[in-house]
Amino acid sequence: MKGRCLACGALSYAVWALLAPTTDVDFLLAGLMICVPLGWFFGTYAFEGPARKMLDPRRWGFMLLYLLVLIKEVVKAGVFVTGIVLKRELAIRPGVVGIKTHLSKRWELTLLANSITLTPGTFFLDLDERSKTMYVHWITIRSESLDEVKRMIAGRYERILSRVFG
């Protein structure tokens, strides 16, 4: 556990130092005061397995890919919802859909739920932990097939998240 905490703290501090607008000692010390508790928290609760697994560059590459996909999907869904709002007639078919997920770790499920909620037109409602079913409100249900619904809402995130935390 110590190794994971140290790795998380060192990584978060490295990112802090790289993104720092200044190299003042006060600013760098403030970063240290923030990154040490973050490192402890994430090292203790977020990641499983040895620290070297967490430092794997492929994991960080998949996290970057996840962020890029999230941004793309948020913009794409935002344009879609804007189109719905700007039409004279409100052409929506709202409903709640159940999506089965293969993700099992809490951080994977949390990020998936947050990604769904951040995407305009969808809102995460609940998770049945026994059956791994996420309930999502969708502004316009575009398919009757559950497999197609899963692919449209969660599939784009699920594949990448399983690689980040897997």
Protein backbone atom coordinates (compact mmCIF):
# COMPACT_ATOMS: atom_id res chain seq x y z
CA MET A 1 0.00 0.00 0.00
CA LYS A 2 2.86 2.39 0.75
CA GLY A 3 4.15 2.00 -2.80
CA ARG A 4 0.77 2.83 -4.30
CA CYS A 5 0.38 5.90 -2.09
CA LEU A 6 3.88 7.09 -2.92
CA ALA A 7 3.32 6.50 -6.65
CA CYS A 8 -0.01 8.37 -6.64
CA GLY A 9 1.43 11.26 -4.66
CA ALA A 10 4.52 11.49 -6.88
CA LEU A 11 2.43 11.38 -10.06
CA SER A 12 -0.02 14.00 -8.88
CA TYR A 13 2.83 16.25 -7.73
CA ALA A 14 4.61 15.81 -11.07
CA VAL A 15 1.44 16.88 -12.88
CA TRP A 16 1.07 19.81 -10.46
CA ALA A 17 4.63 20.94 -11.10
CA LEU A 18 4.29 20.55 -14.89
CA LEU A 19 1.07 22.56 -15.00
CA ALA A 20 2.24 25.19 -12.52
CA PRO A 21 2.08 28.74 -13.84
CA THR A 22 5.00 29.65 -11.60
CA THR A 23 7.92 27.98 -9.86
CA ASP A 24 7.62 29.95 -6.63
CA VAL A 25 8.47 27.96 -3.52
CA ASP A 26 5.09 28.82 -1.94
CA PHE A 27 3.20 27.48 -4.93
CA LEU A 28 5.24 24.27 -5.04
CA LEU A 29 4.79 23.74 -1.29
CA ALA A 30 1.05 24.25 -1.65
CA GLY A 31 1.09 21.57 -4.34
CA LEU A 32 2.93 19.23 -2.02
CA MET A 33 0.35 19.86 0.73
CA ILE A 34 -2.43 19.00 -1.72
CA CYS A 35 -0.76 16.05 -3.49
CA VAL A 36 0.33 14.13 -0.38
CA PRO A 37 -3.26 13.62 0.91
CA LEU A 38 -4.46 12.93 -2.65
CA GLY A 39 -1.73 10.34 -3.07
CA TRP A 40 -2.68 8.68 0.20
CA PHE A 41 -6.40 8.68 -0.66
CA PHE A 42 -6.06 7.36 -4.21
CA GLY A 43 -3.33 4.91 -3.28
CA THR A 44 -5.45 3.50 -0.48
CA TYR A 45 -8.92 3.46 -2.03
CA ALA A 46 -8.77 3.81 -5.81
CA PHE A 47 -6.19 1.46 -7.20
CA GLU A 48 -5.68 -2.22 -6.62
CA GLY A 49 -2.54 -4.20 -7.25
CA PRO A 50 1.10 -3.19 -7.13
CA ALA A 51 2.24 0.40 -7.66
CA ARG A 52 4.16 -0.47 -10.82
CA LYS A 53 0.88 -1.49 -12.43
CA MET A 54 -0.53 1.95 -11.68
CA LEU A 55 2.51 3.61 -13.24
CA ASP A 56 2.11 1.69 -16.50
CA PRO A 57 2.21 4.30 -19.31
CA ARG A 58 -0.50 2.39 -21.22
CA ARG A 59 -2.91 3.04 -18.36
CA TRP A 60 -2.20 6.75 -18.52
CA GLY A 61 -2.53 6.66 -22.30
CA PHE A 62 -5.96 5.06 -21.97
CA MET A 63 -6.93 7.71 -19.39
CA LEU A 64 -5.96 10.43 -21.88
CA LEU A 65 -7.93 8.62 -24.58
CA TYR A 66 -10.90 8.40 -22.20
CA LEU A 67 -10.76 12.17 -21.60
CA LEU A 68 -10.60 12.87 -25.34
CA VAL A 69 -13.54 10.54 -26.04
CA LEU A 70 -15.50 12.14 -23.19
CA ILE A 71 -14.92 15.63 -24.58
CA LYS A 72 -15.90 14.50 -28.09
CA GLU A 73 -19.08 12.80 -26.86
CA VAL A 74 -20.09 15.75 -24.67
CA VAL A 75 -19.73 18.14 -27.63
CA LYS A 76 -21.56 15.76 -30.00
CA ALA A 77 -24.43 15.23 -27.55
CA GLY A 78 -24.54 18.96 -26.80
CA VAL A 79 -25.06 19.71 -30.49
CA PHE A 80 -27.78 17.04 -30.66
CA VAL A 81 -29.64 18.41 -27.62
CA THR A 82 -29.27 21.97 -28.92
CA GLY A 83 -30.88 20.84 -32.17
CA ILE A 84 -33.80 19.39 -30.21
CA VAL A 85 -34.27 22.59 -28.21
CA LEU A 86 -34.11 24.91 -31.23
CA LYS A 87 -36.80 23.06 -33.24
CA ARG A 88 -40.34 24.43 -33.20
CA GLU A 89 -41.82 21.10 -32.18
CA LEU A 90 -40.32 19.26 -29.26
CA ALA A 91 -39.43 15.90 -30.83
CA ILE A 92 -38.28 13.89 -27.84
CA ARG A 93 -39.04 10.39 -26.59
CA PRO A 94 -37.76 10.36 -22.99
CA GLY A 95 -37.43 7.23 -20.95
CA VAL A 96 -35.40 5.24 -18.48
CA VAL A 97 -33.21 2.47 -19.84
CA GLY A 98 -31.36 -0.29 -18.02
CA ILE A 99 -27.80 -0.92 -19.16
CA LYS A 100 -25.89 -3.98 -18.00
CA THR A 101 -22.19 -3.30 -17.50
CA HIS A 102 -19.23 -5.62 -17.17
CA LEU A 103 -17.32 -3.12 -15.02
CA SER A 104 -16.97 -4.22 -11.40
CA LYS A 105 -14.66 -1.82 -9.55
CA ARG A 106 -16.21 1.16 -7.80
CA TRP A 107 -13.97 3.70 -9.55
CA GLU A 108 -14.86 2.30 -12.96
CA LEU A 109 -18.56 2.44 -12.16
CA THR A 110 -18.28 5.93 -10.69
CA LEU A 111 -16.46 7.30 -13.73
CA LEU A 112 -18.93 5.61 -16.07
CA ALA A 113 -21.88 7.08 -14.17
CA ASN A 114 -20.29 10.53 -14.16
CA SER A 115 -19.48 10.29 -17.87
CA ILE A 116 -23.09 9.41 -18.64
CA THR A 117 -24.36 12.32 -16.56
CA LEU A 118 -21.89 14.78 -18.10
CA THR A 119 -23.09 13.88 -21.58
CA PRO A 120 -26.07 16.11 -22.45
CA GLY A 121 -29.31 14.20 -22.89
CA THR A 122 -28.46 11.40 -20.46
CA PHE A 123 -28.59 11.24 -16.68
CA PHE A 124 -27.44 8.40 -14.43
CA LEU A 125 -30.17 7.45 -11.95
CA ASP A 126 -29.23 4.28 -10.08
CA LEU A 127 -27.09 1.16 -10.06
CA ASP A 128 -28.23 -2.32 -9.11
CA GLU A 129 -24.95 -3.71 -7.81
CA ARG A 130 -26.07 -7.34 -7.85
CA SER A 131 -27.03 -7.43 -11.51
CA LYS A 132 -24.57 -4.66 -12.57
CA THR A 133 -27.43 -2.76 -14.23
CA MET A 134 -27.23 1.02 -14.52
CA TYR A 135 -30.47 2.93 -14.92
CA VAL A 136 -30.16 6.00 -17.13
CA HIS A 137 -32.69 8.63 -18.13
CA TRP A 138 -32.35 9.35 -21.84
CA ILE A 139 -33.94 12.40 -23.45
CA THR A 140 -34.62 10.60 -26.72
CA ILE A 141 -34.64 6.83 -26.83
CA ARG A 142 -33.25 6.07 -30.27
CA SER A 143 -33.41 2.27 -30.27
CA GLU A 144 -35.51 -0.55 -28.86
CA SER A 145 -32.56 -2.98 -28.75
CA LEU A 146 -30.87 -3.12 -25.35
CA ASP A 147 -27.51 -3.96 -26.96
CA GLU A 148 -27.79 -0.94 -29.22
CA VAL A 149 -28.80 1.30 -26.30
CA LYS A 150 -25.80 0.10 -24.28
CA ARG A 151 -23.49 0.75 -27.23
CA MET A 152 -24.92 4.26 -27.73
CA ILE A 153 -24.82 5.35 -24.09
CA ALA A 154 -22.08 3.47 -22.25
CA GLY A 155 -20.16 1.39 -24.77
CA ARG A 156 -17.80 4.18 -25.80
CA TYR A 157 -16.69 4.75 -22.21
CA GLU A 158 -16.86 1.21 -20.87
CA ARG A 159 -14.19 -0.26 -23.15
CA ILE A 160 -11.66 2.43 -22.27
CA LEU A 161 -12.38 2.49 -18.52
CA SER A 162 -11.82 -1.25 -18.26
CA ARG A 163 -8.33 -0.69 -19.68
CA VAL A 164 -7.56 2.23 -17.34
CA PHE A 165 -8.41 0.37 -14.13
CA GLY A 166 -8.10 -3.25 -15.31
